[in-house]
Amino acid sequence: MEILQPKTAQESLTILTDIVLPGETNPLNSLFGGELLARMDRACSIAARRHSRSIVVTASVNHVAFEKSVPVGSVISVEAKVSRAFSTSMEVFVDVWIEERTSGKRTIASEGIYTFVAVDENGKPKVIPQIIPETDLEKERYEAALRRKQLSLVLSKRMLPAEATELKKLFE
């Protein structure tokens, strides 16, 4: 059996930068939410693939927050990075930034949390390397990922609430 070496979260960093065109907008001249979700999914998929060096499939979209509308003509950067790797699945956190045209100042427009599963050529889940968080933000997201996973497992009845040790710590 191959021993997988842990990787840093930074090694999975994926940045997709693009401009919002008129055909991608709603009647308010803002980027369609579905268009933004597709861009987020693509960036997260690439980050997951970079981490696992495998075919990856989207297992779930755990959270999306549309903080600010994205006007036509905006330059946006979709930045994704694996926040935590489990056995065969990984959580990927994505931030969407709008770049102000004249100053270049960046503001957050959206964020999301996706889960991907690494699979082999037959579509069977495959074991992936663990993540080594380095920055304070990476460490915060790494720790929170386990709580989110346990919450998801409890809600889907695949884990008993009493077994959700990280969730219980929130209430102690």
Protein backbone atom coordinates (compact mmCIF):
# COMPACT_ATOMS: atom_id res chain seq x y z
CA MET A 1 0.00 0.00 0.00
CA GLU A 2 1.29 3.42 -0.98
CA ILE A 3 2.00 5.81 1.90
CA LEU A 4 0.61 9.24 1.08
CA GLN A 5 2.59 12.26 2.21
CA PRO A 6 0.53 15.10 3.71
CA LYS A 7 0.33 18.29 1.68
CA THR A 8 -0.10 21.92 2.61
CA ALA A 9 -3.37 23.65 1.86
CA GLN A 10 -1.42 26.17 -0.22
CA GLU A 11 -0.46 23.42 -2.69
CA SER A 12 -4.10 23.17 -3.76
CA LEU A 13 -4.65 26.92 -4.23
CA THR A 14 -6.57 27.66 -7.41
CA ILE A 15 -7.37 31.16 -8.64
CA LEU A 16 -9.70 31.73 -11.59
CA THR A 17 -9.90 35.36 -12.69
CA ASP A 18 -12.46 36.52 -15.24
CA ILE A 19 -14.63 39.42 -16.30
CA VAL A 20 -18.42 39.43 -16.03
CA LEU A 21 -19.98 39.78 -19.48
CA PRO A 22 -23.50 41.06 -20.28
CA GLY A 23 -24.74 37.61 -21.37
CA GLU A 24 -23.97 36.25 -17.88
CA THR A 25 -26.13 38.73 -16.01
CA ASN A 26 -29.70 39.00 -14.76
CA PRO A 27 -32.14 41.89 -15.46
CA LEU A 28 -30.38 43.90 -12.73
CA ASN A 29 -27.09 43.63 -14.66
CA SER A 30 -25.53 41.46 -11.96
CA LEU A 31 -23.91 38.06 -12.44
CA PHE A 32 -26.44 35.19 -12.36
CA GLY A 33 -26.11 33.22 -9.11
CA GLY A 34 -25.98 29.95 -11.06
CA GLU A 35 -23.13 31.26 -13.21
CA LEU A 36 -21.19 32.18 -10.08
CA LEU A 37 -21.90 28.76 -8.55
CA ALA A 38 -20.53 27.06 -11.68
CA ARG A 39 -17.34 29.12 -11.49
CA MET A 40 -16.98 28.30 -7.81
CA ASP A 41 -17.51 24.58 -8.48
CA ARG A 42 -14.85 24.60 -11.23
CA ALA A 43 -12.27 26.33 -9.01
CA CYS A 44 -13.02 23.96 -6.12
CA SER A 45 -12.79 20.97 -8.44
CA ILE A 46 -9.34 22.01 -9.63
CA ALA A 47 -8.17 22.58 -6.03
CA ALA A 48 -9.45 19.13 -5.02
CA ARG A 49 -7.81 17.54 -8.04
CA ARG A 50 -4.50 19.26 -7.27
CA HIS A 51 -4.61 17.96 -3.73
CA SER A 52 -5.65 14.40 -4.49
CA ARG A 53 -4.06 14.00 -7.94
CA SER A 54 -7.23 12.09 -8.80
CA ILE A 55 -10.51 12.38 -10.57
CA VAL A 56 -12.83 14.22 -8.19
CA VAL A 57 -16.59 14.51 -8.01
CA THR A 58 -18.67 17.11 -6.22
CA ALA A 59 -20.34 15.40 -3.26
CA SER A 60 -22.10 18.43 -1.81
CA VAL A 61 -22.31 22.17 -1.70
CA ASN A 62 -22.36 22.72 2.04
CA HIS A 63 -22.65 26.48 2.17
CA VAL A 64 -22.83 29.45 -0.17
CA ALA A 65 -23.23 33.07 0.86
CA PHE A 66 -23.83 35.77 -1.72
CA GLU A 67 -22.52 38.78 0.20
CA LYS A 68 -22.49 41.33 -2.61
CA SER A 69 -23.89 41.42 -6.14
CA VAL A 70 -21.35 41.27 -8.96
CA PRO A 71 -22.08 43.95 -11.58
CA VAL A 72 -21.53 43.48 -15.29
CA GLY A 73 -17.97 44.41 -16.24
CA SER A 74 -16.54 43.38 -12.87
CA VAL A 75 -13.28 41.51 -12.66
CA ILE A 76 -13.73 38.65 -10.22
CA SER A 77 -11.27 36.20 -8.72
CA VAL A 78 -12.53 32.85 -7.50
CA GLU A 79 -10.00 31.47 -5.01
CA ALA A 80 -10.32 27.88 -3.80
CA LYS A 81 -8.19 25.85 -1.43
CA VAL A 82 -8.62 22.48 0.28
CA SER A 83 -9.36 23.21 3.93
CA ARG A 84 -9.32 19.63 5.20
CA ALA A 85 -8.88 16.13 3.82
CA PHE A 86 -10.58 13.14 5.35
CA SER A 87 -10.16 9.56 4.13
CA THR A 88 -11.48 9.90 0.57
CA SER A 89 -13.28 13.23 0.77
CA MET A 90 -12.06 16.77 1.14
CA GLU A 91 -13.63 20.07 2.05
CA VAL A 92 -12.77 22.99 -0.23
CA PHE A 93 -13.33 26.58 0.83
CA VAL A 94 -13.87 29.16 -1.90
CA ASP A 95 -13.81 32.97 -1.74
CA VAL A 96 -15.00 35.22 -4.57
CA TRP A 97 -13.45 38.66 -4.78
CA ILE A 98 -14.49 41.71 -6.83
CA GLU A 99 -11.67 43.95 -7.98
CA GLU A 100 -12.51 47.66 -7.94
CA ARG A 101 -11.82 49.02 -11.42
CA THR A 102 -9.97 52.24 -10.56
CA SER A 103 -8.23 51.43 -7.27
CA GLY A 104 -7.71 47.68 -7.63
CA LYS A 105 -9.09 47.24 -4.09
CA ARG A 106 -10.63 43.81 -3.55
CA THR A 107 -13.85 43.12 -1.66
CA ILE A 108 -15.45 39.80 -0.88
CA ALA A 109 -18.54 39.05 -2.97
CA SER A 110 -19.28 35.42 -2.04
CA GLU A 111 -17.94 32.42 -0.22
CA GLY A 112 -18.71 28.76 -0.29
CA ILE A 113 -17.80 25.37 1.10
CA TYR A 114 -17.84 22.35 -1.18
CA THR A 115 -17.11 18.68 -0.54
CA PHE A 116 -15.41 16.51 -3.13
CA VAL A 117 -14.62 12.82 -3.22
CA ALA A 118 -11.54 11.46 -4.97
CA VAL A 119 -12.27 8.45 -7.16
CA ASP A 120 -10.30 6.02 -9.28
CA GLU A 121 -10.92 5.29 -12.97
CA ASN A 122 -13.81 3.00 -11.99
CA GLY A 123 -15.52 5.66 -9.90
CA LYS A 124 -14.61 4.02 -6.59
CA PRO A 125 -13.51 6.32 -3.73
CA LYS A 126 -9.78 6.44 -3.18
CA VAL A 127 -7.66 7.44 -0.18
CA ILE A 128 -6.10 10.91 -0.33
CA PRO A 129 -3.29 12.73 1.50
CA GLN A 130 -4.01 14.70 4.66
CA ILE A 131 -3.73 18.50 4.85
CA ILE A 132 -1.21 20.50 6.85
CA PRO A 133 -2.75 23.91 7.61
CA GLU A 134 -0.14 26.66 7.96
CA THR A 135 -1.77 30.09 8.27
CA ASP A 136 -4.17 31.15 11.02
CA LEU A 137 -7.06 31.17 8.52
CA GLU A 138 -6.12 27.71 7.22
CA LYS A 139 -5.99 26.39 10.80
CA GLU A 140 -9.37 27.94 11.63
CA ARG A 141 -10.99 26.43 8.52
CA TYR A 142 -9.27 23.08 9.15
CA GLU A 143 -10.69 22.84 12.69
CA ALA A 144 -14.17 23.96 11.64
CA ALA A 145 -14.27 21.39 8.80
CA LEU A 146 -14.49 18.50 11.25
CA ARG A 147 -17.44 20.14 13.04
CA ARG A 148 -19.18 20.69 9.72
CA LYS A 149 -18.58 17.07 8.71
CA GLN A 150 -19.92 15.76 12.01
CA LEU A 151 -23.00 17.99 11.74
CA SER A 152 -23.65 16.69 8.23
CA LEU A 153 -23.28 13.09 9.40
CA VAL A 154 -25.62 13.64 12.36
CA LEU A 155 -28.25 15.34 10.19
CA SER A 156 -28.09 12.50 7.65
CA LYS A 157 -28.35 9.98 10.51
CA ARG A 158 -25.00 8.41 9.63
CA MET A 159 -23.61 9.42 13.04
CA LEU A 160 -25.23 9.44 16.44
CA PRO A 161 -25.27 12.86 18.12
CA ALA A 162 -23.39 11.37 21.10
CA GLU A 163 -20.52 10.43 18.77
CA ALA A 164 -20.11 13.98 17.43
CA THR A 165 -17.29 14.86 19.81
CA GLU A 166 -16.25 18.10 18.09
CA LEU A 167 -19.82 19.39 18.02
CA LYS A 168 -20.31 18.56 21.71
CA LYS A 169 -17.26 20.69 22.56
CA LEU A 170 -19.11 23.76 21.28
CA PHE A 171 -21.69 23.36 24.03
CA GLU A 172 -19.44 22.44 26.97
